[in-house]
């Protein structure tokens, strides 16, 4: 029998996990997206909250996890998550923030929600995802 790859090299779940990544900083969004796809995740990417809502509306399959920046122009991450919860209540959430002074909703302490401060290691993000979509 062949050996299985270490857990750190393969997605946690055997089923496809769909992630909606919402980040207005293009370089960060692209690098996170590329990394997650290399890990076997399906990633839908949006540059802002409005685009994310439209993408979620058009996506026929489930969205297991939303990764969103807390502070974005026009629609912040907490408002986006609130709007998405109306049609996608099952989605777990990872808030990412480079602004320590901005508050994150109380829901950030729930078992389906996490907060990562920028800059963060991609492996830390991966561990967080695996914890939330186990």
N, C-alpha and C. Protein backbone atom coordinates (compact mmCIF):
# COMPACT_ATOMS: atom_id res chain seq x y z
N UNK A 1 0.83 -1.20 0.00
CA UNK A 1 0.00 0.00 0.00
C UNK A 1 0.87 1.25 0.00
N UNK A 2 0.41 2.27 -0.71
CA UNK A 2 1.13 3.53 -0.74
C UNK A 2 0.86 4.34 0.52
N UNK A 3 1.72 5.28 0.78
CA UNK A 3 1.51 6.12 1.96
C UNK A 3 0.67 7.31 1.58
N UNK A 4 -0.10 7.79 2.53
CA UNK A 4 -0.93 8.97 2.29
C UNK A 4 -0.12 10.22 2.55
N UNK A 5 -0.43 11.29 1.82
CA UNK A 5 0.30 12.54 2.08
C UNK A 5 -0.03 13.05 3.47
N UNK A 6 0.91 13.76 4.09
CA UNK A 6 0.64 14.33 5.41
C UNK A 6 -0.59 15.22 5.36
N UNK A 7 -1.30 15.31 6.48
CA UNK A 7 -2.53 16.09 6.54
C UNK A 7 -2.31 17.54 6.11
N UNK A 8 -1.11 18.07 6.32
CA UNK A 8 -0.85 19.47 5.97
C UNK A 8 -0.80 19.69 4.46
N UNK A 9 -0.75 18.60 3.68
CA UNK A 9 -0.65 18.75 2.23
C UNK A 9 -1.94 18.44 1.49
N UNK A 10 -2.98 18.02 2.20
CA UNK A 10 -4.23 17.71 1.54
C UNK A 10 -5.38 18.37 2.26
N UNK A 11 -6.47 18.65 1.53
CA UNK A 11 -7.62 19.27 2.18
C UNK A 11 -8.16 18.38 3.29
N UNK A 12 -8.70 19.01 4.32
CA UNK A 12 -9.19 18.31 5.50
C UNK A 12 -10.33 17.37 5.15
N UNK A 13 -11.22 17.80 4.30
CA UNK A 13 -12.40 17.04 3.96
C UNK A 13 -12.24 16.38 2.60
N UNK A 14 -12.82 15.20 2.46
CA UNK A 14 -12.72 14.53 1.17
C UNK A 14 -13.67 15.15 0.15
N UNK A 15 -14.73 15.81 0.62
CA UNK A 15 -15.65 16.45 -0.31
C UNK A 15 -15.09 17.81 -0.72
N UNK A 16 -15.56 18.30 -1.84
CA UNK A 16 -15.13 19.61 -2.30
C UNK A 16 -15.66 20.69 -1.35
N UNK A 17 -14.80 21.59 -0.96
CA UNK A 17 -15.18 22.70 -0.09
C UNK A 17 -15.12 23.97 -0.92
N UNK A 18 -16.22 24.72 -0.93
CA UNK A 18 -16.29 25.96 -1.69
C UNK A 18 -16.10 27.15 -0.75
N UNK A 19 -15.18 28.02 -1.12
CA UNK A 19 -14.84 29.19 -0.31
C UNK A 19 -15.10 30.45 -1.13
N UNK A 20 -15.79 31.41 -0.52
CA UNK A 20 -15.97 32.73 -1.11
C UNK A 20 -14.97 33.66 -0.45
N UNK A 21 -13.99 34.13 -1.22
CA UNK A 21 -12.92 34.99 -0.72
C UNK A 21 -13.22 36.42 -1.14
N UNK A 22 -13.36 37.32 -0.17
CA UNK A 22 -13.70 38.72 -0.45
C UNK A 22 -12.62 39.61 0.16
N UNK A 23 -11.84 40.23 -0.69
CA UNK A 23 -10.71 41.05 -0.25
C UNK A 23 -10.47 42.12 -1.29
N UNK A 24 -10.45 43.38 -0.86
CA UNK A 24 -10.25 44.48 -1.81
C UNK A 24 -8.79 44.70 -2.18
N UNK A 25 -7.88 44.14 -1.43
CA UNK A 25 -6.45 44.25 -1.74
C UNK A 25 -6.09 43.15 -2.74
N UNK A 26 -5.90 43.53 -3.99
CA UNK A 26 -5.74 42.57 -5.08
C UNK A 26 -4.61 41.56 -4.86
N UNK A 27 -3.42 42.02 -4.48
CA UNK A 27 -2.28 41.13 -4.32
C UNK A 27 -2.56 40.06 -3.25
N UNK A 28 -3.16 40.46 -2.14
CA UNK A 28 -3.48 39.51 -1.08
C UNK A 28 -4.54 38.52 -1.56
N UNK A 29 -5.58 39.04 -2.21
CA UNK A 29 -6.65 38.17 -2.71
C UNK A 29 -6.09 37.14 -3.68
N UNK A 30 -5.24 37.55 -4.59
CA UNK A 30 -4.69 36.63 -5.58
C UNK A 30 -3.80 35.57 -4.94
N UNK A 31 -2.96 35.96 -3.98
CA UNK A 31 -2.06 34.98 -3.37
C UNK A 31 -2.82 33.98 -2.50
N UNK A 32 -3.81 34.45 -1.75
CA UNK A 32 -4.62 33.55 -0.93
C UNK A 32 -5.42 32.60 -1.83
N UNK A 33 -6.00 33.13 -2.88
CA UNK A 33 -6.78 32.34 -3.82
C UNK A 33 -5.92 31.23 -4.43
N UNK A 34 -4.76 31.58 -4.90
CA UNK A 34 -3.86 30.60 -5.52
C UNK A 34 -3.47 29.52 -4.51
N UNK A 35 -3.13 29.92 -3.31
CA UNK A 35 -2.73 28.97 -2.27
C UNK A 35 -3.88 27.99 -1.95
N UNK A 36 -5.08 28.52 -1.78
CA UNK A 36 -6.22 27.66 -1.44
C UNK A 36 -6.57 26.71 -2.57
N UNK A 37 -6.47 27.16 -3.80
CA UNK A 37 -6.72 26.28 -4.94
C UNK A 37 -5.68 25.16 -4.99
N UNK A 38 -4.44 25.49 -4.67
CA UNK A 38 -3.39 24.47 -4.63
C UNK A 38 -3.68 23.43 -3.55
N UNK A 39 -4.41 23.81 -2.52
CA UNK A 39 -4.78 22.89 -1.45
C UNK A 39 -6.02 22.07 -1.79
N UNK A 40 -6.61 22.32 -2.94
CA UNK A 40 -7.75 21.55 -3.40
C UNK A 40 -9.12 22.17 -3.17
N UNK A 41 -9.14 23.42 -2.72
CA UNK A 41 -10.41 24.09 -2.47
C UNK A 41 -10.94 24.75 -3.74
N UNK A 42 -12.25 24.85 -3.84
CA UNK A 42 -12.89 25.64 -4.88
C UNK A 42 -13.00 27.06 -4.33
N UNK A 43 -12.46 28.03 -5.04
CA UNK A 43 -12.45 29.40 -4.53
C UNK A 43 -13.17 30.33 -5.50
N UNK A 44 -14.15 31.04 -4.96
CA UNK A 44 -14.84 32.10 -5.68
C UNK A 44 -14.25 33.39 -5.14
N UNK A 45 -13.78 34.27 -5.99
CA UNK A 45 -13.13 35.48 -5.48
C UNK A 45 -13.86 36.73 -5.91
N UNK A 46 -13.93 37.67 -4.96
CA UNK A 46 -14.58 38.95 -5.21
C UNK A 46 -13.76 40.06 -4.59
N UNK A 47 -13.75 41.22 -5.24
CA UNK A 47 -12.98 42.37 -4.77
C UNK A 47 -13.75 43.23 -3.78
N UNK A 48 -15.06 43.00 -3.66
CA UNK A 48 -15.85 43.81 -2.72
C UNK A 48 -17.12 43.08 -2.35
N UNK A 49 -17.84 43.63 -1.38
CA UNK A 49 -19.04 43.00 -0.87
C UNK A 49 -20.15 42.86 -1.89
N UNK A 50 -20.34 43.89 -2.71
CA UNK A 50 -21.40 43.85 -3.72
C UNK A 50 -21.14 42.73 -4.73
N UNK A 51 -19.90 42.62 -5.18
CA UNK A 51 -19.55 41.55 -6.13
C UNK A 51 -19.70 40.18 -5.48
N UNK A 52 -19.38 40.09 -4.20
CA UNK A 52 -19.51 38.82 -3.48
C UNK A 52 -20.97 38.39 -3.39
N UNK A 53 -21.86 39.33 -3.10
CA UNK A 53 -23.29 39.00 -3.02
C UNK A 53 -23.80 38.51 -4.37
N UNK A 54 -23.39 39.16 -5.43
CA UNK A 54 -23.80 38.75 -6.78
C UNK A 54 -23.25 37.36 -7.09
N UNK A 55 -22.01 37.12 -6.76
CA UNK A 55 -21.39 35.82 -7.01
C UNK A 55 -22.11 34.72 -6.24
N UNK A 56 -22.44 34.99 -4.99
CA UNK A 56 -23.15 34.00 -4.17
C UNK A 56 -24.53 33.71 -4.75
N UNK A 57 -25.16 34.73 -5.27
CA UNK A 57 -26.49 34.59 -5.88
C UNK A 57 -26.42 33.70 -7.12
N UNK A 58 -25.36 33.85 -7.91
CA UNK A 58 -25.20 33.11 -9.16
C UNK A 58 -24.62 31.71 -8.98
N UNK A 59 -23.97 31.47 -7.84
CA UNK A 59 -23.32 30.16 -7.60
C UNK A 59 -24.37 29.14 -7.18
N UNK A 60 -24.52 28.09 -7.98
CA UNK A 60 -25.57 27.09 -7.73
C UNK A 60 -25.25 26.18 -6.55
N UNK A 61 -23.99 25.91 -6.32
CA UNK A 61 -23.62 24.97 -5.26
C UNK A 61 -23.52 25.64 -3.90
N UNK A 62 -23.14 24.85 -2.91
CA UNK A 62 -22.99 25.41 -1.56
C UNK A 62 -21.77 26.33 -1.46
N UNK A 63 -21.81 27.21 -0.50
CA UNK A 63 -20.64 27.99 -0.10
C UNK A 63 -20.41 27.62 1.36
N UNK A 64 -19.33 26.90 1.60
CA UNK A 64 -19.04 26.37 2.92
C UNK A 64 -18.42 27.40 3.85
N UNK A 65 -17.66 28.33 3.26
CA UNK A 65 -16.89 29.28 4.05
C UNK A 65 -16.77 30.59 3.33
N UNK A 66 -16.88 31.68 4.08
CA UNK A 66 -16.65 33.02 3.56
C UNK A 66 -15.42 33.56 4.27
N UNK A 67 -14.44 34.00 3.50
CA UNK A 67 -13.28 34.69 4.04
C UNK A 67 -13.42 36.12 3.58
N UNK A 68 -13.56 37.05 4.52
CA UNK A 68 -13.78 38.44 4.14
C UNK A 68 -12.96 39.41 4.97
N UNK A 69 -12.49 40.42 4.29
CA UNK A 69 -11.84 41.54 4.96
C UNK A 69 -12.91 42.23 5.81
N UNK A 70 -12.51 42.75 6.94
CA UNK A 70 -13.47 43.46 7.81
C UNK A 70 -13.77 44.83 7.23
N UNK A 71 -12.73 45.57 6.83
CA UNK A 71 -12.89 46.94 6.36
C UNK A 71 -12.71 46.97 4.84
N UNK A 72 -13.79 47.33 4.14
CA UNK A 72 -13.75 47.48 2.68
C UNK A 72 -14.64 48.66 2.32
N UNK A 73 -14.36 49.28 1.16
CA UNK A 73 -15.21 50.39 0.72
C UNK A 73 -16.63 49.91 0.44
N UNK A 74 -17.60 50.76 0.61
CA UNK A 74 -19.02 50.54 0.33
C UNK A 74 -19.71 49.56 1.26
N UNK A 75 -19.20 48.34 1.37
CA UNK A 75 -19.83 47.34 2.23
C UNK A 75 -18.75 46.61 3.02
N UNK A 76 -18.78 46.76 4.34
CA UNK A 76 -17.76 46.10 5.15
C UNK A 76 -18.07 44.61 5.31
N UNK A 77 -17.10 43.87 5.82
CA UNK A 77 -17.24 42.44 5.98
C UNK A 77 -18.42 42.01 6.85
N UNK A 78 -18.60 42.62 8.03
CA UNK A 78 -19.75 42.22 8.86
C UNK A 78 -21.10 42.41 8.16
N UNK A 79 -21.25 43.51 7.42
CA UNK A 79 -22.51 43.72 6.70
C UNK A 79 -22.67 42.68 5.59
N UNK A 80 -21.59 42.37 4.89
CA UNK A 80 -21.62 41.35 3.86
C UNK A 80 -22.07 40.01 4.45
N UNK A 81 -21.47 39.62 5.57
CA UNK A 81 -21.81 38.35 6.20
C UNK A 81 -23.28 38.34 6.62
N UNK A 82 -23.75 39.46 7.14
CA UNK A 82 -25.15 39.56 7.53
C UNK A 82 -26.08 39.36 6.33
N UNK A 83 -25.73 39.96 5.20
CA UNK A 83 -26.54 39.81 3.99
C UNK A 83 -26.46 38.37 3.46
N UNK A 84 -25.27 37.79 3.45
CA UNK A 84 -25.10 36.42 2.95
C UNK A 84 -25.84 35.41 3.82
N UNK A 85 -25.92 35.67 5.11
CA UNK A 85 -26.57 34.74 6.03
C UNK A 85 -28.04 34.53 5.70
N UNK A 86 -28.64 35.47 5.01
CA UNK A 86 -30.05 35.34 4.62
C UNK A 86 -30.25 34.18 3.63
N UNK A 87 -29.28 33.98 2.75
CA UNK A 87 -29.40 32.92 1.75
C UNK A 87 -28.41 31.77 1.96
N UNK A 88 -27.38 32.02 2.75
CA UNK A 88 -26.32 31.02 2.98
C UNK A 88 -26.02 30.89 4.49
N UNK A 89 -27.02 30.55 5.30
CA UNK A 89 -26.81 30.53 6.75
C UNK A 89 -25.83 29.47 7.23
N UNK A 90 -25.57 28.47 6.39
CA UNK A 90 -24.67 27.39 6.78
C UNK A 90 -23.19 27.76 6.67
N UNK A 91 -22.87 28.84 5.99
CA UNK A 91 -21.48 29.20 5.73
C UNK A 91 -20.75 29.65 7.00
N UNK A 92 -19.58 29.07 7.21
CA UNK A 92 -18.69 29.52 8.27
C UNK A 92 -18.01 30.80 7.77
N UNK A 93 -17.39 31.56 8.70
CA UNK A 93 -16.80 32.86 8.33
C UNK A 93 -15.41 33.02 8.95
N UNK A 94 -14.48 33.50 8.14
CA UNK A 94 -13.18 33.95 8.63
C UNK A 94 -13.09 35.43 8.29
N UNK A 95 -13.05 36.27 9.32
CA UNK A 95 -12.81 37.70 9.12
C UNK A 95 -11.31 37.91 9.11
N UNK A 96 -10.82 38.73 8.18
CA UNK A 96 -9.41 39.12 8.18
C UNK A 96 -9.33 40.63 8.29
N UNK A 97 -8.40 41.10 9.12
CA UNK A 97 -8.33 42.53 9.35
C UNK A 97 -6.90 42.99 9.60
N UNK A 98 -6.60 44.11 9.02
CA UNK A 98 -5.33 44.77 9.27
C UNK A 98 -5.52 45.99 10.15
N UNK A 99 -6.74 46.18 10.63
CA UNK A 99 -7.10 47.34 11.43
C UNK A 99 -7.50 46.89 12.83
N UNK A 100 -6.57 46.88 13.75
CA UNK A 100 -6.85 46.43 15.10
C UNK A 100 -7.90 47.25 15.82
N UNK A 101 -8.06 48.50 15.43
CA UNK A 101 -9.01 49.37 16.12
C UNK A 101 -10.46 49.14 15.70
N UNK A 102 -10.67 48.44 14.59
CA UNK A 102 -12.03 48.17 14.14
C UNK A 102 -12.58 46.95 14.85
N UNK A 103 -13.80 47.06 15.28
CA UNK A 103 -14.41 45.94 15.98
C UNK A 103 -14.98 44.93 15.00
N UNK A 104 -15.00 43.70 15.43
CA UNK A 104 -15.57 42.61 14.67
C UNK A 104 -16.83 42.19 15.40
N UNK A 105 -17.85 41.78 14.72
CA UNK A 105 -19.10 41.41 15.38
C UNK A 105 -18.91 40.38 16.47
N UNK A 106 -19.81 40.38 17.41
CA UNK A 106 -19.77 39.44 18.51
C UNK A 106 -19.76 38.00 18.02
N UNK A 107 -20.33 37.77 16.86
CA UNK A 107 -20.38 36.42 16.29
C UNK A 107 -18.99 35.87 15.99
N UNK A 108 -17.98 36.73 15.99
CA UNK A 108 -16.63 36.26 15.71
C UNK A 108 -16.16 35.26 16.76
N UNK A 109 -16.83 35.20 17.89
CA UNK A 109 -16.46 34.23 18.92
C UNK A 109 -17.21 32.92 18.80
N UNK A 110 -18.09 32.79 17.81
CA UNK A 110 -18.87 31.56 17.66
C UNK A 110 -18.01 30.46 17.05
N UNK A 111 -18.43 29.20 17.19
CA UNK A 111 -17.65 28.08 16.65
C UNK A 111 -17.52 28.09 15.13
N UNK A 112 -18.40 28.80 14.44
CA UNK A 112 -18.36 28.85 12.98
C UNK A 112 -17.69 30.13 12.47
N UNK A 113 -17.04 30.87 13.36
CA UNK A 113 -16.44 32.15 12.97
C UNK A 113 -15.05 32.29 13.58
N UNK A 114 -14.15 32.91 12.82
CA UNK A 114 -12.80 33.16 13.31
C UNK A 114 -12.33 34.52 12.82
N UNK A 115 -11.30 35.04 13.47
CA UNK A 115 -10.68 36.31 13.09
C UNK A 115 -9.19 36.11 12.95
N UNK A 116 -8.64 36.56 11.83
CA UNK A 116 -7.19 36.55 11.62
C UNK A 116 -6.75 37.98 11.36
N UNK A 117 -5.65 38.37 11.99
CA UNK A 117 -5.10 39.70 11.80
C UNK A 117 -4.03 39.66 10.72
N UNK A 118 -4.06 40.65 9.84
CA UNK A 118 -3.04 40.79 8.80
C UNK A 118 -1.79 41.36 9.43
N UNK A 119 -0.63 40.95 9.00
CA UNK A 119 -0.41 39.84 8.07
C UNK A 119 -0.55 38.50 8.79
N UNK A 120 -0.99 37.49 8.07
CA UNK A 120 -1.13 36.15 8.65
C UNK A 120 -0.41 35.17 7.74
N UNK A 121 0.01 34.06 8.32
CA UNK A 121 0.67 33.02 7.54
C UNK A 121 -0.40 32.21 6.83
N UNK A 122 -0.13 31.81 5.60
CA UNK A 122 -1.10 31.02 4.85
C UNK A 122 -1.40 29.70 5.55
N UNK A 123 -0.41 29.13 6.22
CA UNK A 123 -0.65 27.88 6.96
C UNK A 123 -1.60 28.11 8.13
N UNK A 124 -1.55 29.29 8.73
CA UNK A 124 -2.49 29.62 9.81
C UNK A 124 -3.90 29.71 9.25
N UNK A 125 -4.05 30.31 8.09
CA UNK A 125 -5.35 30.38 7.43
C UNK A 125 -5.86 28.97 7.13
N UNK A 126 -5.00 28.11 6.63
CA UNK A 126 -5.39 26.75 6.30
C UNK A 126 -5.86 25.99 7.55
N UNK A 127 -5.14 26.13 8.65
CA UNK A 127 -5.57 25.48 9.91
C UNK A 127 -6.93 26.01 10.35
N UNK A 128 -7.14 27.30 10.21
CA UNK A 128 -8.41 27.91 10.59
C UNK A 128 -9.55 27.36 9.73
N UNK A 129 -9.32 27.28 8.44
CA UNK A 129 -10.33 26.74 7.53
C UNK A 129 -10.68 25.30 7.93
N UNK A 130 -9.69 24.49 8.16
CA UNK A 130 -9.92 23.09 8.51
C UNK A 130 -10.71 22.96 9.82
N UNK A 131 -10.45 23.85 10.74
CA UNK A 131 -11.18 23.82 12.02
C UNK A 131 -12.65 24.17 11.80
N UNK A 132 -12.91 25.13 10.93
CA UNK A 132 -14.28 25.60 10.72
C UNK A 132 -15.13 24.72 9.81
N UNK A 133 -14.51 24.05 8.86
CA UNK A 133 -15.28 23.24 7.92
C UNK A 133 -14.96 21.75 8.06
N UNK A 134 -14.74 21.34 9.28
CA UNK A 134 -14.44 19.92 9.55
C UNK A 134 -15.61 19.04 9.26
